[in-house]
Amino acid sequence: MSTGTDPLAPLAQLPGVPDAVAEVRKAVDRLYGHRVMRRRAAEVTSESALRGARASAALAGADWPLEEVRRRSDFSADPEARMVGAALRIAAEAGQLLSIWRHSPLQVLARLHLLAVGDGEPSAGRPRRAGEGVEELFPLGLKPVESVEVAQVDEPLPVLPPAPGAEEVAARLDQLSRLLVARAEGQGVGTPALVVASVVHGELLALRPFGAYNGVIARAAQRIVLLAEGLDPKSICPAEVGLAELGTDAYRRALAGYLAGTPEGMAAWIAHCGRALRLGVRESTAVCEAMQRGMV
């Protein structure tokens, strides 16, 4: 990322990205125009947070059925339960951190990590230090759901590079924070929300700044950006659901494109994030339809 007025602007012009942005905008607008949103928007927001948290935890290795997540009250029994609990706590508070995000994104990331690990953990809220390990991003292989068509790729899955060292993480987090604060102050406002959210999502997955819960935190940060940028002001579009439905192989391949930093790789990553967001819209549209029929 460069330090120009709008360093993300060139990404918005990459082949396929304008179409992805337009398709996302159209899908989101259609959802916001649903009749149920006129009187039950808060319920749709709550359900979106729950479904997004379940999907984010599944991507991080804890693939629980939605009704099990809804039923449970104790999330401390084992690592999977703690992952689900972390995703739920983050989802419940992420939307309340918007005002802090605008002037201090790093403070919000620290808060998300604290929510995930609990305040009894010595590393809570701070980036990992030199020599500290980092958890695998994709510990569980999720297959695409049957209703989603994913292109078949004959090449082996890419091996993601190791997480950067602590010094590089600190420098790149600072750069990312400065970029986001500049946007909040009115610089670079022309870049579409999908592009900004995709970059934040991808950069946090690339850096893996914490020892654990990096995937859940990166996906929550993407949701906050979509809220901050005004694309999804009620936070009803759970992109995490779409990422899970597309499967972890496609997620890993798209992330490898972001890490490569080529125009083709960046465009593929943004398109993947856009498709996941549209699938999240589909999920919330189904929720609205169920509410309209009196089933929820």
C-alpha atoms as a PDB file:
ATOM      1  CA  MET A   1       0.000   0.000   0.000  1.00  0.00           C
ATOM      2  CA  SER A   2       1.353   3.402  -0.939  1.00  0.00           C
ATOM      3  CA  THR A   3       0.904   6.741   0.772  1.00  0.00           C
ATOM      4  CA  GLY A   4      -0.939   8.661  -1.930  1.00  0.00           C
ATOM      5  CA  THR A   5      -4.256  10.422  -1.485  1.00  0.00           C
ATOM      6  CA  ASP A   6      -6.171   7.327  -2.520  1.00  0.00           C
ATOM      7  CA  PRO A   7      -3.721   4.405  -2.646  1.00  0.00           C
ATOM      8  CA  LEU A   8      -6.498   1.850  -3.096  1.00  0.00           C
ATOM      9  CA  ALA A   9      -8.021   3.574  -6.134  1.00  0.00           C
ATOM     10  CA  PRO A  10      -6.063   1.540  -8.725  1.00  0.00           C
ATOM     11  CA  LEU A  11      -7.486  -1.680  -7.266  1.00  0.00           C
ATOM     12  CA  ALA A  12     -11.011  -0.511  -8.082  1.00  0.00           C
ATOM     13  CA  GLN A  13     -10.091  -0.413 -11.773  1.00  0.00           C
ATOM     14  CA  LEU A  14      -8.608  -3.909 -12.042  1.00  0.00           C
ATOM     15  CA  PRO A  15     -10.346  -6.215 -14.552  1.00  0.00           C
ATOM     16  CA  GLY A  16     -13.544  -7.629 -13.084  1.00  0.00           C
ATOM     17  CA  VAL A  17     -13.535  -5.433  -9.973  1.00  0.00           C
ATOM     18  CA  PRO A  18     -16.007  -2.778 -11.229  1.00  0.00           C
ATOM     19  CA  ASP A  19     -18.442  -5.570 -12.074  1.00  0.00           C
ATOM     20  CA  ALA A  20     -17.977  -7.160  -8.652  1.00  0.00           C
ATOM     21  CA  VAL A  21     -18.599  -3.794  -6.972  1.00  0.00           C
ATOM     22  CA  ALA A  22     -21.744  -3.181  -9.032  1.00  0.00           C
ATOM     23  CA  GLU A  23     -23.131  -6.664  -8.366  1.00  0.00           C
ATOM     24  CA  VAL A  24     -22.578  -6.293  -4.622  1.00  0.00           C
ATOM     25  CA  ARG A  25     -24.205  -2.858  -4.570  1.00  0.00           C
ATOM     26  CA  LYS A  26     -27.244  -4.152  -6.457  1.00  0.00           C
ATOM     27  CA  ALA A  27     -27.639  -7.167  -4.139  1.00  0.00           C
ATOM     28  CA  VAL A  28     -27.283  -5.097  -0.965  1.00  0.00           C
ATOM     29  CA  ASP A  29     -29.747  -2.467  -2.174  1.00  0.00           C
ATOM     30  CA  ARG A  30     -32.284  -5.173  -2.990  1.00  0.00           C
ATOM     31  CA  LEU A  31     -31.973  -6.623   0.521  1.00  0.00           C
ATOM     32  CA  TYR A  32     -32.353  -3.221   2.161  1.00  0.00           C
ATOM     33  CA  GLY A  33     -35.504  -2.687   0.130  1.00  0.00           C
ATOM     34  CA  HIS A  34     -37.170  -5.853   1.445  1.00  0.00           C
ATOM     35  CA  ARG A  35     -40.491  -5.208   3.176  1.00  0.00           C
ATOM     36  CA  VAL A  36     -39.369  -6.940   6.377  1.00  0.00           C
ATOM     37  CA  MET A  37     -36.553  -4.402   6.777  1.00  0.00           C
ATOM     38  CA  ARG A  38     -39.110  -1.638   7.364  1.00  0.00           C
ATOM     39  CA  ARG A  39     -40.186  -2.981  10.734  1.00  0.00           C
ATOM     40  CA  ARG A  40     -37.906  -5.832  11.789  1.00  0.00           C
ATOM     41  CA  ALA A  41     -34.465  -4.599  10.789  1.00  0.00           C
ATOM     42  CA  ALA A  42     -33.057  -5.067  14.302  1.00  0.00           C
ATOM     43  CA  GLU A  43     -34.059  -8.737  14.263  1.00  0.00           C
ATOM     44  CA  VAL A  44     -32.418  -9.234  10.877  1.00  0.00           C
ATOM     45  CA  THR A  45     -29.248  -7.616  12.218  1.00  0.00           C
ATOM     46  CA  SER A  46     -29.209  -9.953  15.220  1.00  0.00           C
ATOM     47  CA  GLU A  47     -29.770 -13.023  13.078  1.00  0.00           C
ATOM     48  CA  SER A  48     -27.083 -11.902  10.654  1.00  0.00           C
ATOM     49  CA  ALA A  49     -24.601 -11.535  13.517  1.00  0.00           C
ATOM     50  CA  LEU A  50     -25.431 -15.016  14.799  1.00  0.00           C
ATOM     51  CA  ARG A  51     -25.131 -16.683  11.398  1.00  0.00           C
ATOM     52  CA  GLY A  52     -21.985 -14.765  10.566  1.00  0.00           C
ATOM     53  CA  ALA A  53     -20.376 -15.764  13.861  1.00  0.00           C
ATOM     54  CA  ARG A  54     -21.264 -19.420  13.327  1.00  0.00           C
ATOM     55  CA  ALA A  55     -19.745 -19.355   9.849  1.00  0.00           C
ATOM     56  CA  SER A  56     -16.619 -17.519  10.980  1.00  0.00           C
ATOM     57  CA  ALA A  57     -16.057 -20.060  13.745  1.00  0.00           C
ATOM     58  CA  ALA A  58     -16.537 -22.878  11.228  1.00  0.00           C
ATOM     59  CA  LEU A  59     -13.848 -21.385   8.993  1.00  0.00           C
ATOM     60  CA  ALA A  60     -11.587 -21.273  12.070  1.00  0.00           C
ATOM     61  CA  GLY A  61     -12.141 -24.961  12.838  1.00  0.00           C
ATOM     62  CA  ALA A  62     -15.362 -25.135  14.877  1.00  0.00           C
ATOM     63  CA  ASP A  63     -18.101 -26.160  12.429  1.00  0.00           C
ATOM     64  CA  TRP A  64     -21.194 -26.343  14.633  1.00  0.00           C
ATOM     65  CA  PRO A  65     -24.791 -26.478  13.395  1.00  0.00           C
ATOM     66  CA  LEU A  66     -26.614 -23.167  13.694  1.00  0.00           C
ATOM     67  CA  GLU A  67     -29.171 -24.524  16.148  1.00  0.00           C
ATOM     68  CA  GLU A  68     -26.399 -25.839  18.402  1.00  0.00           C
ATOM     69  CA  VAL A  69     -24.842 -22.370  18.476  1.00  0.00           C
ATOM     70  CA  ARG A  70     -28.259 -20.874  19.204  1.00  0.00           C
ATOM     71  CA  ARG A  71     -28.971 -23.368  21.995  1.00  0.00           C
ATOM     72  CA  ARG A  72     -25.654 -23.272  23.854  1.00  0.00           C
ATOM     73  CA  SER A  73     -24.946 -20.970  26.778  1.00  0.00           C
ATOM     74  CA  ASP A  74     -21.577 -22.363  27.898  1.00  0.00           C
ATOM     75  CA  PHE A  75     -18.690 -21.925  25.478  1.00  0.00           C
ATOM     76  CA  SER A  76     -15.779 -22.836  27.722  1.00  0.00           C
ATOM     77  CA  ALA A  77     -15.702 -26.637  27.601  1.00  0.00           C
ATOM     78  CA  ASP A  78     -13.125 -27.224  24.840  1.00  0.00           C
ATOM     79  CA  PRO A  79     -11.210 -25.410  22.067  1.00  0.00           C
ATOM     80  CA  GLU A  80     -14.086 -25.638  19.577  1.00  0.00           C
ATOM     81  CA  ALA A  81     -16.544 -24.229  22.106  1.00  0.00           C
ATOM     82  CA  ARG A  82     -14.136 -21.423  22.928  1.00  0.00           C
ATOM     83  CA  MET A  83     -13.784 -20.582  19.247  1.00  0.00           C
ATOM     84  CA  VAL A  84     -17.557 -20.390  18.810  1.00  0.00           C
ATOM     85  CA  GLY A  85     -17.836 -18.288  21.953  1.00  0.00           C
ATOM     86  CA  ALA A  86     -15.113 -15.949  20.709  1.00  0.00           C
ATOM     87  CA  ALA A  87     -16.871 -15.469  17.371  1.00  0.00           C
ATOM     88  CA  LEU A  88     -20.171 -14.744  19.120  1.00  0.00           C
ATOM     89  CA  ARG A  89     -18.648 -12.195  21.502  1.00  0.00           C
ATOM     90  CA  ILE A  90     -16.876 -10.428  18.656  1.00  0.00           C
ATOM     91  CA  ALA A  91     -20.024 -10.371  16.525  1.00  0.00           C
ATOM     92  CA  ALA A  92     -22.065  -8.963  19.404  1.00  0.00           C
ATOM     93  CA  GLU A  93     -19.711  -6.027  19.994  1.00  0.00           C
ATOM     94  CA  ALA A  94     -18.191  -5.285  16.584  1.00  0.00           C
ATOM     95  CA  GLY A  95     -20.929  -2.891  15.504  1.00  0.00           C
ATOM     96  CA  GLN A  96     -20.551  -0.870  18.702  1.00  0.00           C
ATOM     97  CA  LEU A  97     -16.888  -0.141  17.941  1.00  0.00           C
ATOM     98  CA  LEU A  98     -17.508   1.942  14.827  1.00  0.00           C
ATOM     99  CA  SER A  99     -16.771   5.344  16.398  1.00  0.00           C
ATOM    100  CA  ILE A 100     -13.446   4.077  17.771  1.00  0.00           C
ATOM    101  CA  TRP A 101     -12.596   2.408  14.452  1.00  0.00           C
ATOM    102  CA  ARG A 102     -12.796   5.740  12.643  1.00  0.00           C
ATOM    103  CA  HIS A 103      -9.886   7.233  14.607  1.00  0.00           C
ATOM    104  CA  SER A 104      -8.082   4.170  16.027  1.00  0.00           C
ATOM    105  CA  PRO A 105      -8.494   0.909  14.110  1.00  0.00           C
ATOM    106  CA  LEU A 106      -5.640  -0.696  16.032  1.00  0.00           C
ATOM    107  CA  GLN A 107      -7.469  -0.105  19.288  1.00  0.00           C
ATOM    108  CA  VAL A 108     -10.472  -1.923  17.859  1.00  0.00           C
ATOM    109  CA  LEU A 109      -8.327  -4.853  16.711  1.00  0.00           C
ATOM    110  CA  ALA A 110      -6.890  -5.077  20.218  1.00  0.00           C
ATOM    111  CA  ARG A 111     -10.411  -5.058  21.652  1.00  0.00           C
ATOM    112  CA  LEU A 112     -11.524  -7.815  19.272  1.00  0.00           C
ATOM    113  CA  HIS A 113      -8.593  -9.972  20.343  1.00  0.00           C
ATOM    114  CA  LEU A 114      -9.380  -9.325  24.002  1.00  0.00           C
ATOM    115  CA  LEU A 115     -12.977 -10.391  23.396  1.00  0.00           C
ATOM    116  CA  ALA A 116     -11.742 -13.555  21.735  1.00  0.00           C
ATOM    117  CA  VAL A 117      -9.205 -14.742  24.308  1.00  0.00           C
ATOM    118  CA  GLY A 118     -10.585 -13.205  27.504  1.00  0.00           C
ATOM    119  CA  ASP A 119      -8.874 -10.732  29.811  1.00  0.00           C
ATOM    120  CA  GLY A 120      -7.204 -13.523  31.790  1.00  0.00           C
ATOM    121  CA  GLU A 121      -4.867 -14.344  28.909  1.00  0.00           C
ATOM    122  CA  PRO A 122      -1.484 -12.539  29.190  1.00  0.00           C
ATOM    123  CA  SER A 123      -1.367 -11.900  25.433  1.00  0.00           C
ATOM    124  CA  ALA A 124      -4.873 -10.423  25.313  1.00  0.00           C
ATOM    125  CA  GLY A 125      -5.133  -7.350  23.138  1.00  0.00           C
ATOM    126  CA  ARG A 126      -1.540  -7.178  21.945  1.00  0.00           C
ATOM    127  CA  PRO A 127       0.124  -8.321  18.717  1.00  0.00           C
ATOM    128  CA  ARG A 128       2.395 -11.333  18.957  1.00  0.00           C
ATOM    129  CA  ARG A 129       6.010 -10.754  19.841  1.00  0.00           C
ATOM    130  CA  ALA A 130       9.162 -12.077  18.207  1.00  0.00           C
ATOM    131  CA  GLY A 131       9.402 -15.821  18.648  1.00  0.00           C
ATOM    132  CA  GLU A 132       5.719 -16.353  19.455  1.00  0.00           C
ATOM    133  CA  GLY A 133       3.827 -18.823  17.296  1.00  0.00           C
ATOM    134  CA  VAL A 134       0.638 -18.315  15.337  1.00  0.00           C
ATOM    135  CA  GLU A 135      -2.310 -20.655  14.757  1.00  0.00           C
ATOM    136  CA  GLU A 136      -3.189 -22.112  11.348  1.00  0.00           C
ATOM    137  CA  LEU A 137      -5.705 -20.006   9.405  1.00  0.00           C
ATOM    138  CA  PHE A 138      -7.565 -22.961   7.901  1.00  0.00           C
ATOM    139  CA  PRO A 139      -7.417 -25.870  10.355  1.00  0.00           C
ATOM    140  CA  LEU A 140     -10.573 -27.454   8.927  1.00  0.00           C
ATOM    141  CA  GLY A 141     -11.378 -28.130   5.292  1.00  0.00           C
ATOM    142  CA  LEU A 142     -14.905 -26.943   4.490  1.00  0.00           C
ATOM    143  CA  LYS A 143     -16.355 -28.124   1.189  1.00  0.00           C
ATOM    144  CA  PRO A 144     -18.544 -25.771  -0.864  1.00  0.00           C
ATOM    145  CA  VAL A 145     -22.258 -26.170  -0.214  1.00  0.00           C
ATOM    146  CA  GLU A 146     -24.232 -27.888  -2.982  1.00  0.00           C
ATOM    147  CA  SER A 147     -26.143 -24.743  -3.935  1.00  0.00           C
ATOM    148  CA  VAL A 148     -22.936 -22.834  -4.714  1.00  0.00           C
ATOM    149  CA  GLU A 149     -20.980 -23.417  -7.904  1.00  0.00           C
ATOM    150  CA  VAL A 150     -17.219 -23.178  -7.447  1.00  0.00           C
ATOM    151  CA  ALA A 151     -14.789 -23.458 -10.330  1.00  0.00           C
ATOM    152  CA  GLN A 152     -12.762 -26.652 -10.290  1.00  0.00           C
ATOM    153  CA  VAL A 153      -8.999 -26.073 -10.216  1.00  0.00           C
ATOM    154  CA  ASP A 154      -6.632 -28.893 -11.149  1.00  0.00           C
ATOM    155  CA  GLU A 155      -3.592 -27.278  -9.548  1.00  0.00           C
ATOM    156  CA  PRO A 156      -2.547 -28.225  -6.000  1.00  0.00           C
ATOM    157  CA  LEU A 157      -3.668 -25.977  -3.186  1.00  0.00           C
ATOM    158  CA  PRO A 158      -1.179 -23.150  -2.665  1.00  0.00           C
ATOM    159  CA  VAL A 159       0.978 -23.256   0.432  1.00  0.00           C
ATOM    160  CA  LEU A 160       0.581 -19.967   2.255  1.00  0.00           C
ATOM    161  CA  PRO A 161       3.829 -18.311   3.337  1.00  0.00           C
ATOM    162  CA  PRO A 162       4.672 -18.065   7.050  1.00  0.00           C
ATOM    163  CA  ALA A 163       3.295 -15.105   8.953  1.00  0.00           C
ATOM    164  CA  PRO A 164       5.602 -12.068   8.867  1.00  0.00           C
ATOM    165  CA  GLY A 165       7.807 -11.253  11.832  1.00  0.00           C
ATOM    166  CA  ALA A 166       6.711  -8.974  14.645  1.00  0.00           C
ATOM    167  CA  GLU A 167       8.511  -5.884  13.333  1.00  0.00           C
ATOM    168  CA  GLU A 168       6.976  -6.161   9.873  1.00  0.00           C
ATOM    169  CA  VAL A 169       3.555  -6.779  11.403  1.00  0.00           C
ATOM    170  CA  ALA A 170       3.828  -3.613  13.508  1.00  0.00           C
ATOM    171  CA  ALA A 171       4.900  -1.508  10.527  1.00  0.00           C
ATOM    172  CA  ARG A 172       2.177  -2.776   8.213  1.00  0.00           C
ATOM    173  CA  LEU A 173      -0.523  -2.471  10.873  1.00  0.00           C
ATOM    174  CA  ASP A 174       0.500   1.136  11.389  1.00  0.00           C
ATOM    175  CA  GLN A 175       0.324   1.765   7.644  1.00  0.00           C
ATOM    176  CA  LEU A 176      -3.104   0.138   7.419  1.00  0.00           C
ATOM    177  CA  SER A 177      -4.330   2.199  10.363  1.00  0.00           C
ATOM    178  CA  ARG A 178      -3.104   5.441   8.814  1.00  0.00           C
ATOM    179  CA  LEU A 179      -4.860   4.603   5.559  1.00  0.00           C
ATOM    180  CA  LEU A 180      -8.168   3.908   7.323  1.00  0.00           C
ATOM    181  CA  VAL A 181      -7.988   7.015   9.501  1.00  0.00           C
ATOM    182  CA  ALA A 182      -7.255   9.122   6.413  1.00  0.00           C
ATOM    183  CA  ARG A 183     -10.371   7.694   4.779  1.00  0.00           C
ATOM    184  CA  ALA A 184     -12.427   8.542   7.859  1.00  0.00           C
ATOM    185  CA  GLU A 185     -11.132  12.107   7.572  1.00  0.00           C
ATOM    186  CA  GLY A 186     -12.330  12.338   3.981  1.00  0.00           C
ATOM    187  CA  GLN A 187      -9.290  11.283   1.970  1.00  0.00           C
ATOM    188  CA  GLY A 188      -9.673   8.569  -0.658  1.00  0.00           C
ATOM    189  CA  VAL A 189     -13.438   8.429  -0.338  1.00  0.00           C
ATOM    190  CA  GLY A 190     -13.923   7.393  -3.963  1.00  0.00           C
ATOM    191  CA  THR A 191     -12.708   3.835  -3.525  1.00  0.00           C
ATOM    192  CA  PRO A 192     -15.672   1.412  -3.239  1.00  0.00           C
ATOM    193  CA  ALA A 193     -16.434  -0.152   0.137  1.00  0.00           C
ATOM    194  CA  LEU A 194     -15.949  -3.674  -1.230  1.00  0.00           C
ATOM    195  CA  VAL A 195     -12.363  -2.856  -2.228  1.00  0.00           C
ATOM    196  CA  VAL A 196     -11.505  -1.288   1.138  1.00  0.00           C
ATOM    197  CA  ALA A 197     -13.091  -4.143   3.098  1.00  0.00           C
ATOM    198  CA  SER A 198     -11.324  -6.747   0.968  1.00  0.00           C
ATOM    199  CA  VAL A 199      -7.945  -5.108   1.552  1.00  0.00           C
ATOM    200  CA  VAL A 200      -8.453  -4.910   5.322  1.00  0.00           C
ATOM    201  CA  HIS A 201      -9.618  -8.515   5.386  1.00  0.00           C
ATOM    202  CA  GLY A 202      -6.714  -9.716   3.245  1.00  0.00           C
ATOM    203  CA  GLU A 203      -4.062  -7.684   5.048  1.00  0.00           C
ATOM    204  CA  LEU A 204      -5.078  -8.995   8.463  1.00  0.00           C
ATOM    205  CA  LEU A 205      -5.043 -12.566   7.178  1.00  0.00           C
ATOM    206  CA  ALA A 206      -1.627 -11.917   5.643  1.00  0.00           C
ATOM    207  CA  LEU A 207      -0.184 -10.427   8.826  1.00  0.00           C
ATOM    208  CA  ARG A 208      -1.841 -12.743  11.360  1.00  0.00           C
ATOM    209  CA  PRO A 209      -0.962 -10.164  14.013  1.00  0.00           C
ATOM    210  CA  PHE A 210      -2.097 -12.227  16.994  1.00  0.00           C
ATOM    211  CA  GLY A 211      -1.187 -15.676  18.166  1.00  0.00           C
ATOM    212  CA  ALA A 212      -4.717 -16.963  17.660  1.00  0.00           C
ATOM    213  CA  TYR A 213      -8.173 -15.977  16.367  1.00  0.00           C
ATOM    214  CA  ASN A 214      -6.736 -14.064  13.405  1.00  0.00           C
ATOM    215  CA  GLY A 215      -9.335 -15.329  10.928  1.00  0.00           C
ATOM    216  CA  VAL A 216     -12.280 -14.438  13.138  1.00  0.00           C
ATOM    217  CA  ILE A 217     -10.805 -10.987  13.787  1.00  0.00           C
ATOM    218  CA  ALA A 218     -10.063 -10.337  10.097  1.00  0.00           C
ATOM    219  CA  ARG A 219     -13.605 -11.242   9.087  1.00  0.00           C
ATOM    220  CA  ALA A 220     -15.053  -9.056  11.862  1.00  0.00           C
ATOM    221  CA  ALA A 221     -12.858  -6.168  10.694  1.00  0.00           C
ATOM    222  CA  GLN A 222     -14.242  -6.597   7.186  1.00  0.00           C
ATOM    223  CA  ARG A 223     -17.748  -6.314   8.586  1.00  0.00           C
ATOM    224  CA  ILE A 224     -16.828  -3.132  10.482  1.00  0.00           C
ATOM    225  CA  VAL A 225     -15.400  -1.611   7.278  1.00  0.00           C
ATOM    226  CA  LEU A 226     -18.610  -2.377   5.372  1.00  0.00           C
ATOM    227  CA  LEU A 227     -20.485  -0.621   8.177  1.00  0.00           C
ATOM    228  CA  ALA A 228     -18.070   2.336   8.305  1.00  0.00           C
ATOM    229  CA  GLU A 229     -18.082   2.785   4.531  1.00  0.00           C
ATOM    230  CA  GLY A 230     -21.881   2.865   4.431  1.00  0.00           C
ATOM    231  CA  LEU A 231     -22.419  -0.161   2.207  1.00  0.00           C
ATOM    232  CA  ASP A 232     -24.037  -2.206   4.984  1.00  0.00           C
ATOM    233  CA  PRO A 233     -25.051   0.341   7.668  1.00  0.00           C
ATOM    234  CA  LYS A 234     -27.272  -2.095   9.560  1.00  0.00           C
ATOM    235  CA  SER A 235     -24.764  -4.962   9.345  1.00  0.00           C
ATOM    236  CA  ILE A 236     -27.195  -7.418   7.776  1.00  0.00           C
ATOM    237  CA  CYS A 237     -24.923  -8.930   5.109  1.00  0.00           C
ATOM    238  CA  PRO A 238     -22.926 -11.782   6.685  1.00  0.00           C
ATOM    239  CA  ALA A 239     -20.053 -12.273   4.250  1.00  0.00           C
ATOM    240  CA  GLU A 240     -18.703 -14.921   6.625  1.00  0.00           C
ATOM    241  CA  VAL A 241     -21.594 -17.163   5.588  1.00  0.00           C
ATOM    242  CA  GLY A 242     -20.613 -16.778   1.957  1.00  0.00           C
ATOM    243  CA  LEU A 243     -16.953 -17.499   2.672  1.00  0.00           C
ATOM    244  CA  ALA A 244     -17.947 -20.721   4.423  1.00  0.00           C
ATOM    245  CA  GLU A 245     -20.349 -21.712   1.642  1.00  0.00           C
ATOM    246  CA  LEU A 246     -17.627 -21.238  -0.983  1.00  0.00           C
ATOM    247  CA  GLY A 247     -15.340 -23.558   0.988  1.00  0.00           C
ATOM    248  CA  THR A 248     -11.881 -23.186   2.429  1.00  0.00           C
ATOM    249  CA  ASP A 249     -10.047 -24.310  -0.725  1.00  0.00           C
ATOM    250  CA  ALA A 250     -11.439 -21.365  -2.690  1.00  0.00           C
ATOM    251  CA  TYR A 251     -10.755 -19.057   0.273  1.00  0.00           C
ATOM    252  CA  ARG A 252      -7.138 -20.224   0.446  1.00  0.00           C
ATOM    253  CA  ARG A 253      -6.605 -19.834  -3.308  1.00  0.00           C
ATOM    254  CA  ALA A 254      -8.070 -16.337  -3.293  1.00  0.00           C
ATOM    255  CA  LEU A 255      -5.932 -15.346  -0.315  1.00  0.00           C
ATOM    256  CA  ALA A 256      -2.846 -16.657  -2.108  1.00  0.00           C
ATOM    257  CA  GLY A 257      -3.697 -14.229  -4.903  1.00  0.00           C
ATOM    258  CA  TYR A 258      -3.811 -11.345  -2.438  1.00  0.00           C
ATOM    259  CA  LEU A 259      -0.492 -12.398  -0.932  1.00  0.00           C
ATOM    260  CA  ALA A 260       1.097 -12.563  -4.389  1.00  0.00           C
ATOM    261  CA  GLY A 261       0.149  -8.917  -4.901  1.00  0.00           C
ATOM    262  CA  THR A 262      -0.244  -9.234  -8.680  1.00  0.00           C
ATOM    263  CA  PRO A 263      -3.081  -7.400 -10.442  1.00  0.00           C
ATOM    264  CA  GLU A 264      -4.681 -10.766 -11.283  1.00  0.00           C
ATOM    265  CA  GLY A 265      -4.316 -11.995  -7.711  1.00  0.00           C
ATOM    266  CA  MET A 266      -5.735  -8.832  -6.170  1.00  0.00           C
ATOM    267  CA  ALA A 267      -8.663  -8.808  -8.579  1.00  0.00           C
ATOM    268  CA  ALA A 268      -9.427 -12.466  -7.815  1.00  0.00           C
ATOM    269  CA  TRP A 269      -9.336 -11.761  -4.066  1.00  0.00           C
ATOM    270  CA  ILE A 270     -11.714  -8.804  -4.325  1.00  0.00           C
ATOM    271  CA  ALA A 271     -14.040 -10.825  -6.576  1.00  0.00           C
ATOM    272  CA  HIS A 272     -14.028 -13.677  -4.042  1.00  0.00           C
ATOM    273  CA  CYS A 273     -14.893 -11.301  -1.208  1.00  0.00           C
ATOM    274  CA  GLY A 274     -17.632  -9.803  -3.368  1.00  0.00           C
ATOM    275  CA  ARG A 275     -19.154 -13.181  -4.128  1.00  0.00           C
ATOM    276  CA  ALA A 276     -19.047 -14.112  -0.444  1.00  0.00           C
ATOM    277  CA  LEU A 277     -20.847 -10.887   0.397  1.00  0.00           C
ATOM    278  CA  ARG A 278     -23.539 -11.595  -2.184  1.00  0.00           C
ATOM    279  CA  LEU A 279     -24.040 -15.033  -0.664  1.00  0.00           C
ATOM    280  CA  GLY A 280     -24.361 -13.350   2.718  1.00  0.00           C
ATOM    281  CA  VAL A 281     -27.067 -11.170   1.211  1.00  0.00           C
ATOM    282  CA  ARG A 282     -28.772 -14.317  -0.016  1.00  0.00           C
ATOM    283  CA  GLU A 283     -28.703 -15.713   3.523  1.00  0.00           C
ATOM    284  CA  SER A 284     -30.303 -12.617   5.028  1.00  0.00           C
ATOM    285  CA  THR A 285     -32.853 -12.458   2.219  1.00  0.00           C
ATOM    286  CA  ALA A 286     -33.917 -15.987   3.176  1.00  0.00           C
ATOM    287  CA  VAL A 287     -34.224 -14.816   6.793  1.00  0.00           C
ATOM    288  CA  CYS A 288     -36.432 -11.912   5.683  1.00  0.00           C
ATOM    289  CA  GLU A 289     -38.590 -14.252   3.624  1.00  0.00           C
ATOM    290  CA  ALA A 290     -38.997 -16.604   6.583  1.00  0.00           C
ATOM    291  CA  MET A 291     -40.000 -13.674   8.803  1.00  0.00           C
ATOM    292  CA  GLN A 292     -42.507 -12.512   6.221  1.00  0.00           C
ATOM    293  CA  ARG A 293     -44.099 -15.964   6.166  1.00  0.00           C
ATOM    294  CA  GLY A 294     -44.274 -15.981   9.968  1.00  0.00           C
ATOM    295  CA  MET A 295     -41.757 -18.793  10.306  1.00  0.00           C
ATOM    296  CA  VAL A 296     -39.365 -16.734  12.475  1.00  0.00           C
END
